[in-house]
Structure formats: structure tokens, C-alpha cells
Amino acid sequence: MHELPSPQIHRFVFKHALVYLKYAWTSKQLLGAVTYFDEDNNLLQRLVYPADDFAGIWLEYIPPLGKTVSSMVVEVRDWSFFDNFTMRYYG
């Protein structure tokens, strides 16, 4: 959509601390990024994805050994979709 604030920031907070995360990012036409955080909101990793993934991409993230993912922040500059999440955690 035209004239949306850029970048848009979306924070996903997970109910459980994850040891594995996989999801689809579709219709992403412009530069975007995903940043993963642990349970103390410490940065785990920030990954930048170039433009032109209109058809979609699968993203997987496995945190470093002994760490878990509790949230992620997505920065987008256009409309796109996140779905088909697969998550693993130890309870």
C-alpha cells in the first residue's frame, strides 16, 4: 500500500522460549529485516533480507546453543505476509 510509514515495525512475542522457528515471508518486495531476542531481551541476531522476494521465502532460525528465542522484531517497507509458523520449545 502506498504512503505507509516506513519502516513498519512489528514485534512478535512468543508464549514459550523457542529453540527452533520456521515461517514463510511472502510478497516482500523491498528491503526488510528480522531481529531475534532472548528471554532477557538481549540481541541474538539481526538478519537483513534484500528486495525482490515477491514469491516468498522460508526463514528458519535456530538460536545459539544454550539460548532461546522469546521475541522477534520485523522491519518492513511494504506490505507482506508472515504465516505457516513452526515452533519448537522444551517445556
PDB file of N, CA and C in Angstrom:
ATOM      1  N   MET A   1       0.846  -1.178   0.000  1.00  0.00           N
ATOM      2  CA  MET A   1       0.000   0.000   0.000  1.00  0.00           C
ATOM      3  C   MET A   1       0.886   1.234   0.000  1.00  0.00           C
ATOM      4  N   HIS A   2       0.500   2.220  -0.705  1.00  0.00           N
ATOM      5  CA  HIS A   2       1.274   3.444  -0.778  1.00  0.00           C
ATOM      6  C   HIS A   2       1.084   4.286   0.480  1.00  0.00           C
ATOM      7  N   GLU A   3       2.098   5.063   0.783  1.00  0.00           N
ATOM      8  CA  GLU A   3       2.080   6.042   1.855  1.00  0.00           C
ATOM      9  C   GLU A   3       1.955   5.443   3.246  1.00  0.00           C
ATOM     10  N   LEU A   4       2.425   4.225   3.450  1.00  0.00           N
ATOM     11  CA  LEU A   4       2.507   3.670   4.784  1.00  0.00           C
ATOM     12  C   LEU A   4       3.773   4.193   5.448  1.00  0.00           C
ATOM     13  N   PRO A   5       3.783   4.306   6.774  1.00  0.00           N
ATOM     14  CA  PRO A   5       5.020   4.707   7.442  1.00  0.00           C
ATOM     15  C   PRO A   5       6.131   3.715   7.113  1.00  0.00           C
ATOM     16  N   SER A   6       7.322   4.208   6.928  1.00  0.00           N
ATOM     17  CA  SER A   6       8.414   3.318   6.556  1.00  0.00           C
ATOM     18  C   SER A   6       9.613   3.589   7.442  1.00  0.00           C
ATOM     19  N   PRO A   7      10.227   2.595   8.047  1.00  0.00           N
ATOM     20  CA  PRO A   7       9.750   1.209   8.031  1.00  0.00           C
ATOM     21  C   PRO A   7       8.628   0.991   9.041  1.00  0.00           C
ATOM     22  N   GLN A   8       7.886  -0.059   8.814  1.00  0.00           N
ATOM     23  CA  GLN A   8       6.906  -0.514   9.787  1.00  0.00           C
ATOM     24  C   GLN A   8       7.611  -1.507  10.706  1.00  0.00           C
ATOM     25  N   ILE A   9       7.344  -1.427  11.984  1.00  0.00           N
ATOM     26  CA  ILE A   9       7.992  -2.293  12.967  1.00  0.00           C
ATOM     27  C   ILE A   9       6.914  -3.170  13.607  1.00  0.00           C
ATOM     28  N   HIS A  10       7.117  -4.483  13.550  1.00  0.00           N
ATOM     29  CA  HIS A  10       6.176  -5.443  14.137  1.00  0.00           C
ATOM     30  C   HIS A  10       6.943  -6.332  15.104  1.00  0.00           C
ATOM     31  N   ARG A  11       6.462  -6.425  16.335  1.00  0.00           N
ATOM     32  CA  ARG A  11       7.127  -7.260  17.345  1.00  0.00           C
ATOM     33  C   ARG A  11       6.262  -8.491  17.621  1.00  0.00           C
ATOM     34  N   PHE A  12       6.868  -9.648  17.486  1.00  0.00           N
ATOM     35  CA  PHE A  12       6.227 -10.916  17.806  1.00  0.00           C
ATOM     36  C   PHE A  12       6.794 -11.387  19.140  1.00  0.00           C
ATOM     37  N   VAL A  13       5.928 -11.627  20.114  1.00  0.00           N
ATOM     38  CA  VAL A  13       6.353 -12.137  21.419  1.00  0.00           C
ATOM     39  C   VAL A  13       5.767 -13.533  21.559  1.00  0.00           C
ATOM     40  N   PHE A  14       6.633 -14.503  21.807  1.00  0.00           N
ATOM     41  CA  PHE A  14       6.205 -15.896  21.842  1.00  0.00           C
ATOM     42  C   PHE A  14       5.851 -16.329  23.261  1.00  0.00           C
ATOM     43  N   LYS A  15       4.836 -17.160  23.378  1.00  0.00           N
ATOM     44  CA  LYS A  15       4.364 -17.647  24.672  1.00  0.00           C
ATOM     45  C   LYS A  15       5.425 -18.502  25.363  1.00  0.00           C
ATOM     46  N   HIS A  16       6.195 -19.248  24.581  1.00  0.00           N
ATOM     47  CA  HIS A  16       7.251 -20.110  25.103  1.00  0.00           C
ATOM     48  C   HIS A  16       8.588 -19.671  24.518  1.00  0.00           C
ATOM     49  N   ALA A  17       9.657 -19.906  25.246  1.00  0.00           N
ATOM     50  CA  ALA A  17      11.007 -19.649  24.737  1.00  0.00           C
ATOM     51  C   ALA A  17      11.338 -20.744  23.722  1.00  0.00           C
ATOM     52  N   LEU A  18      11.644 -20.351  22.496  1.00  0.00           N
ATOM     53  CA  LEU A  18      11.778 -21.286  21.385  1.00  0.00           C
ATOM     54  C   LEU A  18      13.220 -21.713  21.149  1.00  0.00           C
ATOM     55  N   VAL A  19      13.374 -22.977  20.763  1.00  0.00           N
ATOM     56  CA  VAL A  19      14.684 -23.485  20.345  1.00  0.00           C
ATOM     57  C   VAL A  19      14.752 -23.633  18.828  1.00  0.00           C
ATOM     58  N   TYR A  20      13.619 -23.413  18.153  1.00  0.00           N
ATOM     59  CA  TYR A  20      13.552 -23.524  16.696  1.00  0.00           C
ATOM     60  C   TYR A  20      12.360 -22.723  16.204  1.00  0.00           C
ATOM     61  N   LEU A  21      12.543 -22.067  15.055  1.00  0.00           N
ATOM     62  CA  LEU A  21      11.476 -21.268  14.473  1.00  0.00           C
ATOM     63  C   LEU A  21      11.601 -21.315  12.954  1.00  0.00           C
ATOM     64  N   LYS A  22      10.490 -21.605  12.288  1.00  0.00           N
ATOM     65  CA  LYS A  22      10.441 -21.610  10.826  1.00  0.00           C
ATOM     66  C   LYS A  22       9.123 -20.964  10.406  1.00  0.00           C
ATOM     67  N   TYR A  23       9.182 -20.124   9.353  1.00  0.00           N
ATOM     68  CA  TYR A  23       7.979 -19.450   8.891  1.00  0.00           C
ATOM     69  C   TYR A  23       8.182 -18.944   7.470  1.00  0.00           C
ATOM     70  N   ALA A  24       7.083 -18.589   6.832  1.00  0.00           N
ATOM     71  CA  ALA A  24       7.115 -18.064   5.465  1.00  0.00           C
ATOM     72  C   ALA A  24       6.940 -16.551   5.497  1.00  0.00           C
ATOM     73  N   TRP A  25       7.703 -15.875   4.632  1.00  0.00           N
ATOM     74  CA  TRP A  25       7.567 -14.421   4.443  1.00  0.00           C
ATOM     75  C   TRP A  25       7.282 -14.234   2.958  1.00  0.00           C
ATOM     76  N   THR A  26       6.060 -13.834   2.633  1.00  0.00           N
ATOM     77  CA  THR A  26       5.659 -13.731   1.235  1.00  0.00           C
ATOM     78  C   THR A  26       5.326 -12.299   0.843  1.00  0.00           C
ATOM     79  N   SER A  27       5.421 -12.048  -0.434  1.00  0.00           N
ATOM     80  CA  SER A  27       5.102 -10.756  -1.054  1.00  0.00           C
ATOM     81  C   SER A  27       6.003  -9.621  -0.582  1.00  0.00           C
ATOM     82  N   LYS A  28       7.199  -9.939  -0.132  1.00  0.00           N
ATOM     83  CA  LYS A  28       8.144  -8.914   0.298  1.00  0.00           C
ATOM     84  C   LYS A  28       8.878  -8.391  -0.924  1.00  0.00           C
ATOM     85  N   GLN A  29       8.631  -7.136  -1.273  1.00  0.00           N
ATOM     86  CA  GLN A  29       9.221  -6.566  -2.471  1.00  0.00           C
ATOM     87  C   GLN A  29      10.391  -5.633  -2.178  1.00  0.00           C
ATOM     88  N   LEU A  30      10.451  -5.091  -0.967  1.00  0.00           N
ATOM     89  CA  LEU A  30      11.503  -4.152  -0.600  1.00  0.00           C
ATOM     90  C   LEU A  30      12.370  -4.729   0.521  1.00  0.00           C
ATOM     91  N   LEU A  31      13.460  -4.069   0.803  1.00  0.00           N
ATOM     92  CA  LEU A  31      14.376  -4.481   1.862  1.00  0.00           C
ATOM     93  C   LEU A  31      13.636  -4.683   3.178  1.00  0.00           C
ATOM     94  N   GLY A  32      13.996  -5.725   3.910  1.00  0.00           N
ATOM     95  CA  GLY A  32      13.388  -5.990   5.219  1.00  0.00           C
ATOM     96  C   GLY A  32      14.393  -6.634   6.139  1.00  0.00           C
ATOM     97  N   ALA A  33      14.055  -6.710   7.426  1.00  0.00           N
ATOM     98  CA  ALA A  33      14.974  -7.296   8.401  1.00  0.00           C
ATOM     99  C   ALA A  33      14.178  -7.978   9.510  1.00  0.00           C
ATOM    100  N   VAL A  34      14.805  -8.989  10.110  1.00  0.00           N
ATOM    101  CA  VAL A  34      14.241  -9.670  11.273  1.00  0.00           C
ATOM    102  C   VAL A  34      15.319  -9.695  12.346  1.00  0.00           C
ATOM    103  N   THR A  35      14.941  -9.306  13.560  1.00  0.00           N
ATOM    104  CA  THR A  35      15.865  -9.313  14.692  1.00  0.00           C
ATOM    105  C   THR A  35      15.295 -10.225  15.763  1.00  0.00           C
ATOM    106  N   TYR A  36      16.120 -11.140  16.260  1.00  0.00           N
ATOM    107  CA  TYR A  36      15.701 -12.111  17.260  1.00  0.00           C
ATOM    108  C   TYR A  36      16.281 -11.733  18.621  1.00  0.00           C
ATOM    109  N   PHE A  37      15.460 -11.943  19.684  1.00  0.00           N
ATOM    110  CA  PHE A  37      15.857 -11.604  21.051  1.00  0.00           C
ATOM    111  C   PHE A  37      15.623 -12.777  21.983  1.00  0.00           C
ATOM    112  N   ASP A  38      16.442 -12.871  23.033  1.00  0.00           N
ATOM    113  CA  ASP A  38      16.261 -13.922  24.031  1.00  0.00           C
ATOM    114  C   ASP A  38      15.273 -13.468  25.100  1.00  0.00           C
ATOM    115  N   GLU A  39      15.115 -14.286  26.145  1.00  0.00           N
ATOM    116  CA  GLU A  39      14.120 -14.006  27.184  1.00  0.00           C
ATOM    117  C   GLU A  39      14.432 -12.750  28.005  1.00  0.00           C
ATOM    118  N   ASP A  40      15.681 -12.289  27.993  1.00  0.00           N
ATOM    119  CA  ASP A  40      16.063 -11.058  28.685  1.00  0.00           C
ATOM    120  C   ASP A  40      16.113  -9.857  27.738  1.00  0.00           C
ATOM    121  N   ASN A  41      15.581 -10.028  26.548  1.00  0.00           N
ATOM    122  CA  ASN A  41      15.557  -9.005  25.501  1.00  0.00           C
ATOM    123  C   ASN A  41      16.951  -8.649  24.987  1.00  0.00           C
ATOM    124  N   ASN A  42      17.881  -9.579  25.132  1.00  0.00           N
ATOM    125  CA  ASN A  42      19.222  -9.410  24.563  1.00  0.00           C
ATOM    126  C   ASN A  42      19.196  -9.808  23.095  1.00  0.00           C
ATOM    127  N   LEU A  43      19.923  -9.071  22.286  1.00  0.00           N
ATOM    128  CA  LEU A  43      20.008  -9.349  20.854  1.00  0.00           C
ATOM    129  C   LEU A  43      20.664 -10.709  20.604  1.00  0.00           C
ATOM    130  N   LEU A  44      19.998 -11.553  19.831  1.00  0.00           N
ATOM    131  CA  LEU A  44      20.590 -12.812  19.387  1.00  0.00           C
ATOM    132  C   LEU A  44      21.191 -12.644  17.999  1.00  0.00           C
ATOM    133  N   GLN A  45      20.401 -12.091  17.081  1.00  0.00           N
ATOM    134  CA  GLN A  45      20.892 -11.890  15.720  1.00  0.00           C
ATOM    135  C   GLN A  45      19.925 -11.000  14.949  1.00  0.00           C
ATOM    136  N   ARG A  46      20.489 -10.188  14.064  1.00  0.00           N
ATOM    137  CA  ARG A  46      19.689  -9.370  13.142  1.00  0.00           C
ATOM    138  C   ARG A  46      20.048  -9.780  11.721  1.00  0.00           C
ATOM    139  N   LEU A  47      19.044 -10.164  10.946  1.00  0.00           N
ATOM    140  CA  LEU A  47      19.254 -10.623   9.578  1.00  0.00           C
ATOM    141  C   LEU A  47      18.524  -9.693   8.623  1.00  0.00           C
ATOM    142  N   VAL A  48      19.231  -9.214   7.604  1.00  0.00           N
ATOM    143  CA  VAL A  48      18.666  -8.300   6.624  1.00  0.00           C
ATOM    144  C   VAL A  48      18.429  -9.069   5.327  1.00  0.00           C
ATOM    145  N   TYR A  49      17.253  -8.858   4.744  1.00  0.00           N
ATOM    146  CA  TYR A  49      16.875  -9.548   3.516  1.00  0.00           C
ATOM    147  C   TYR A  49      16.675  -8.522   2.405  1.00  0.00           C
ATOM    148  N   PRO A  50      17.294  -8.750   1.256  1.00  0.00           N
ATOM    149  CA  PRO A  50      17.204  -7.787   0.149  1.00  0.00           C
ATOM    150  C   PRO A  50      15.808  -7.746  -0.459  1.00  0.00           C
ATOM    151  N   ALA A  51      15.637  -6.831  -1.379  1.00  0.00           N
ATOM    152  CA  ALA A  51      14.362  -6.686  -2.079  1.00  0.00           C
ATOM    153  C   ALA A  51      14.132  -7.848  -3.044  1.00  0.00           C
ATOM    154  N   ASP A  52      12.940  -7.874  -3.620  1.00  0.00           N
ATOM    155  CA  ASP A  52      12.594  -8.794  -4.699  1.00  0.00           C
ATOM    156  C   ASP A  52      12.397 -10.244  -4.274  1.00  0.00           C
ATOM    157  N   ASP A  53      11.757 -10.460  -3.147  1.00  0.00           N
ATOM    158  CA  ASP A  53      11.351 -11.811  -2.752  1.00  0.00           C
ATOM    159  C   ASP A  53       9.838 -11.922  -2.856  1.00  0.00           C
ATOM    160  N   PHE A  54       9.284 -11.376  -3.942  1.00  0.00           N
ATOM    161  CA  PHE A  54       7.833 -11.305  -4.095  1.00  0.00           C
ATOM    162  C   PHE A  54       7.181 -12.680  -3.986  1.00  0.00           C
ATOM    163  N   ALA A  55       7.834 -13.701  -4.528  1.00  0.00           N
ATOM    164  CA  ALA A  55       7.252 -15.043  -4.497  1.00  0.00           C
ATOM    165  C   ALA A  55       7.265 -15.630  -3.089  1.00  0.00           C
ATOM    166  N   GLY A  56       8.138 -15.123  -2.225  1.00  0.00           N
ATOM    167  CA  GLY A  56       8.190 -15.599  -0.848  1.00  0.00           C
ATOM    168  C   GLY A  56       9.451 -16.382  -0.545  1.00  0.00           C
ATOM    169  N   ILE A  57       9.772 -16.404   0.730  1.00  0.00           N
ATOM    170  CA  ILE A  57      10.933 -17.138   1.206  1.00  0.00           C
ATOM    171  C   ILE A  57      10.564 -17.861   2.501  1.00  0.00           C
ATOM    172  N   TRP A  58      11.245 -18.960   2.736  1.00  0.00           N
ATOM    173  CA  TRP A  58      11.136 -19.657   4.006  1.00  0.00           C
ATOM    174  C   TRP A  58      12.298 -19.210   4.872  1.00  0.00           C
ATOM    175  N   LEU A  59      12.008 -18.886   6.111  1.00  0.00           N
ATOM    176  CA  LEU A  59      13.050 -18.497   7.051  1.00  0.00           C
ATOM    177  C   LEU A  59      13.080 -19.481   8.204  1.00  0.00           C
ATOM    178  N   GLU A  60      14.278 -19.870   8.595  1.00  0.00           N
ATOM    179  CA  GLU A  60      14.489 -20.733   9.751  1.00  0.00           C
ATOM    180  C   GLU A  60      15.470 -20.042  10.672  1.00  0.00           C
ATOM    181  N   TYR A  61      15.222 -20.163  11.966  1.00  0.00           N
ATOM    182  CA  TYR A  61      16.183 -19.626  12.916  1.00  0.00           C
ATOM    183  C   TYR A  61      16.349 -20.601  14.071  1.00  0.00           C
ATOM    184  N   ILE A  62      17.598 -20.929  14.340  1.00  0.00           N
ATOM    185  CA  ILE A  62      17.967 -21.751  15.486  1.00  0.00           C
ATOM    186  C   ILE A  62      18.908 -20.893  16.318  1.00  0.00           C
ATOM    187  N   PRO A  63      18.550 -20.594  17.562  1.00  0.00           N
ATOM    188  CA  PRO A  63      19.416 -19.741  18.375  1.00  0.00           C
ATOM    189  C   PRO A  63      20.715 -20.455  18.747  1.00  0.00           C
ATOM    190  N   PRO A  64      21.711 -19.694  19.177  1.00  0.00           N
ATOM    191  CA  PRO A  64      22.964 -20.317  19.612  1.00  0.00           C
ATOM    192  C   PRO A  64      22.709 -21.329  20.735  1.00  0.00           C
ATOM    193  N   LEU A  65      23.590 -22.290  20.861  1.00  0.00           N
ATOM    194  CA  LEU A  65      23.470 -23.340  21.873  1.00  0.00           C
ATOM    195  C   LEU A  65      23.285 -22.727  23.262  1.00  0.00           C
ATOM    196  N   GLY A  66      22.281 -23.195  23.969  1.00  0.00           N
ATOM    197  CA  GLY A  66      22.002 -22.706  25.312  1.00  0.00           C
ATOM    198  C   GLY A  66      21.115 -21.470  25.358  1.00  0.00           C
ATOM    199  N   LYS A  67      20.747 -20.926  24.212  1.00  0.00           N
ATOM    200  CA  LYS A  67      19.891 -19.733  24.137  1.00  0.00           C
ATOM    201  C   LYS A  67      18.529 -20.115  23.576  1.00  0.00           C
ATOM    202  N   THR A  68      17.546 -19.255  23.804  1.00  0.00           N
ATOM    203  CA  THR A  68      16.217 -19.437  23.240  1.00  0.00           C
ATOM    204  C   THR A  68      15.726 -18.115  22.670  1.00  0.00           C
ATOM    205  N   VAL A  69      14.751 -18.194  21.776  1.00  0.00           N
ATOM    206  CA  VAL A  69      14.141 -17.014  21.177  1.00  0.00           C
ATOM    207  C   VAL A  69      12.827 -16.749  21.899  1.00  0.00           C
ATOM    208  N   SER A  70      12.674 -15.547  22.438  1.00  0.00           N
ATOM    209  CA  SER A  70      11.431 -15.172  23.099  1.00  0.00           C
ATOM    210  C   SER A  70      10.633 -14.135  22.307  1.00  0.00           C
ATOM    211  N   SER A  71      11.322 -13.421  21.409  1.00  0.00           N
ATOM    212  CA  SER A  71      10.616 -12.444  20.589  1.00  0.00           C
ATOM    213  C   SER A  71      11.408 -12.166  19.325  1.00  0.00           C
ATOM    214  N   MET A  72      10.736 -11.567  18.361  1.00  0.00           N
ATOM    215  CA  MET A  72      11.408 -11.117  17.148  1.00  0.00           C
ATOM    216  C   MET A  72      10.761  -9.821  16.687  1.00  0.00           C
ATOM    217  N   VAL A  73      11.563  -8.981  16.071  1.00  0.00           N
ATOM    218  CA  VAL A  73      11.086  -7.712  15.531  1.00  0.00           C
ATOM    219  C   VAL A  73      11.299  -7.751  14.026  1.00  0.00           C
ATOM    220  N   VAL A  74      10.249  -7.436  13.293  1.00  0.00           N
ATOM    221  CA  VAL A  74      10.293  -7.426  11.837  1.00  0.00           C
ATOM    222  C   VAL A  74      10.191  -5.986  11.366  1.00  0.00           C
ATOM    223  N   GLU A  75      11.096  -5.600  10.472  1.00  0.00           N
ATOM    224  CA  GLU A  75      11.058  -4.282   9.848  1.00  0.00           C
ATOM    225  C   GLU A  75      10.710  -4.486   8.374  1.00  0.00           C
ATOM    226  N   VAL A  76       9.637  -3.863   7.939  1.00  0.00           N
ATOM    227  CA  VAL A  76       9.220  -3.971   6.541  1.00  0.00           C
ATOM    228  C   VAL A  76       8.987  -2.587   5.965  1.00  0.00           C
ATOM    229  N   ARG A  77       9.139  -2.474   4.666  1.00  0.00           N
ATOM    230  CA  ARG A  77       8.944  -1.207   3.968  1.00  0.00           C
ATOM    231  C   ARG A  77       7.842  -1.303   2.912  1.00  0.00           C
ATOM    232  N   ASP A  78       7.112  -2.394   2.939  1.00  0.00           N
ATOM    233  CA  ASP A  78       5.989  -2.599   2.027  1.00  0.00           C
ATOM    234  C   ASP A  78       5.033  -3.580   2.691  1.00  0.00           C
ATOM    235  N   TRP A  79       3.988  -3.934   2.004  1.00  0.00           N
ATOM    236  CA  TRP A  79       3.076  -4.929   2.549  1.00  0.00           C
ATOM    237  C   TRP A  79       3.637  -6.317   2.276  1.00  0.00           C
ATOM    238  N   SER A  80       3.481  -7.199   3.226  1.00  0.00           N
ATOM    239  CA  SER A  80       3.920  -8.580   3.064  1.00  0.00           C
ATOM    240  C   SER A  80       3.204  -9.420   4.120  1.00  0.00           C
ATOM    241  N   PHE A  81       3.452 -10.716   4.091  1.00  0.00           N
ATOM    242  CA  PHE A  81       2.704 -11.631   4.943  1.00  0.00           C
ATOM    243  C   PHE A  81       3.642 -12.611   5.639  1.00  0.00           C
ATOM    244  N   PHE A  82       3.315 -12.939   6.886  1.00  0.00           N
ATOM    245  CA  PHE A  82       4.012 -13.969   7.657  1.00  0.00           C
ATOM    246  C   PHE A  82       2.996 -15.039   8.002  1.00  0.00           C
ATOM    247  N   ASP A  83       3.326 -16.287   7.693  1.00  0.00           N
ATOM    248  CA  ASP A  83       2.425 -17.372   8.063  1.00  0.00           C
ATOM    249  C   ASP A  83       3.158 -18.699   8.072  1.00  0.00           C
ATOM    250  N   ASN A  84       2.407 -19.761   8.295  1.00  0.00           N
ATOM    251  CA  ASN A  84       2.931 -21.133   8.331  1.00  0.00           C
ATOM    252  C   ASN A  84       4.053 -21.297   9.351  1.00  0.00           C
ATOM    253  N   PHE A  85       3.831 -20.807  10.566  1.00  0.00           N
ATOM    254  CA  PHE A  85       4.835 -20.903  11.624  1.00  0.00           C
ATOM    255  C   PHE A  85       4.956 -22.328  12.141  1.00  0.00           C
ATOM    256  N   THR A  86       6.206 -22.763  12.323  1.00  0.00           N
ATOM    257  CA  THR A  86       6.523 -23.998  13.038  1.00  0.00           C
ATOM    258  C   THR A  86       7.472 -23.593  14.158  1.00  0.00           C
ATOM    259  N   MET A  87       7.128 -23.978  15.392  1.00  0.00           N
ATOM    260  CA  MET A  87       7.931 -23.596  16.557  1.00  0.00           C
ATOM    261  C   MET A  87       8.197 -24.806  17.423  1.00  0.00           C
ATOM    262  N   ARG A  88       9.382 -24.827  18.019  1.00  0.00           N
ATOM    263  CA  ARG A  88       9.722 -25.891  18.978  1.00  0.00           C
ATOM    264  C   ARG A  88      10.226 -25.259  20.261  1.00  0.00           C
ATOM    265  N   TYR A  89       9.811 -25.846  21.356  1.00  0.00           N
ATOM    266  CA  TYR A  89      10.285 -25.405  22.672  1.00  0.00           C
ATOM    267  C   TYR A  89      10.333 -26.616  23.585  1.00  0.00           C
ATOM    268  N   TYR A  90      11.082 -26.485  24.647  1.00  0.00           N
ATOM    269  CA  TYR A  90      11.160 -27.540  25.657  1.00  0.00           C
ATOM    270  C   TYR A  90      10.400 -27.076  26.885  1.00  0.00           C
ATOM    271  N   GLY A  91       9.445 -27.858  27.324  1.00  0.00           N
ATOM    272  CA  GLY A  91       8.611 -27.439  28.442  1.00  0.00           C
ATOM    273  C   GLY A  91       8.858 -28.200  29.617  1.00  0.00           C
TER     274      GLY A  91
END
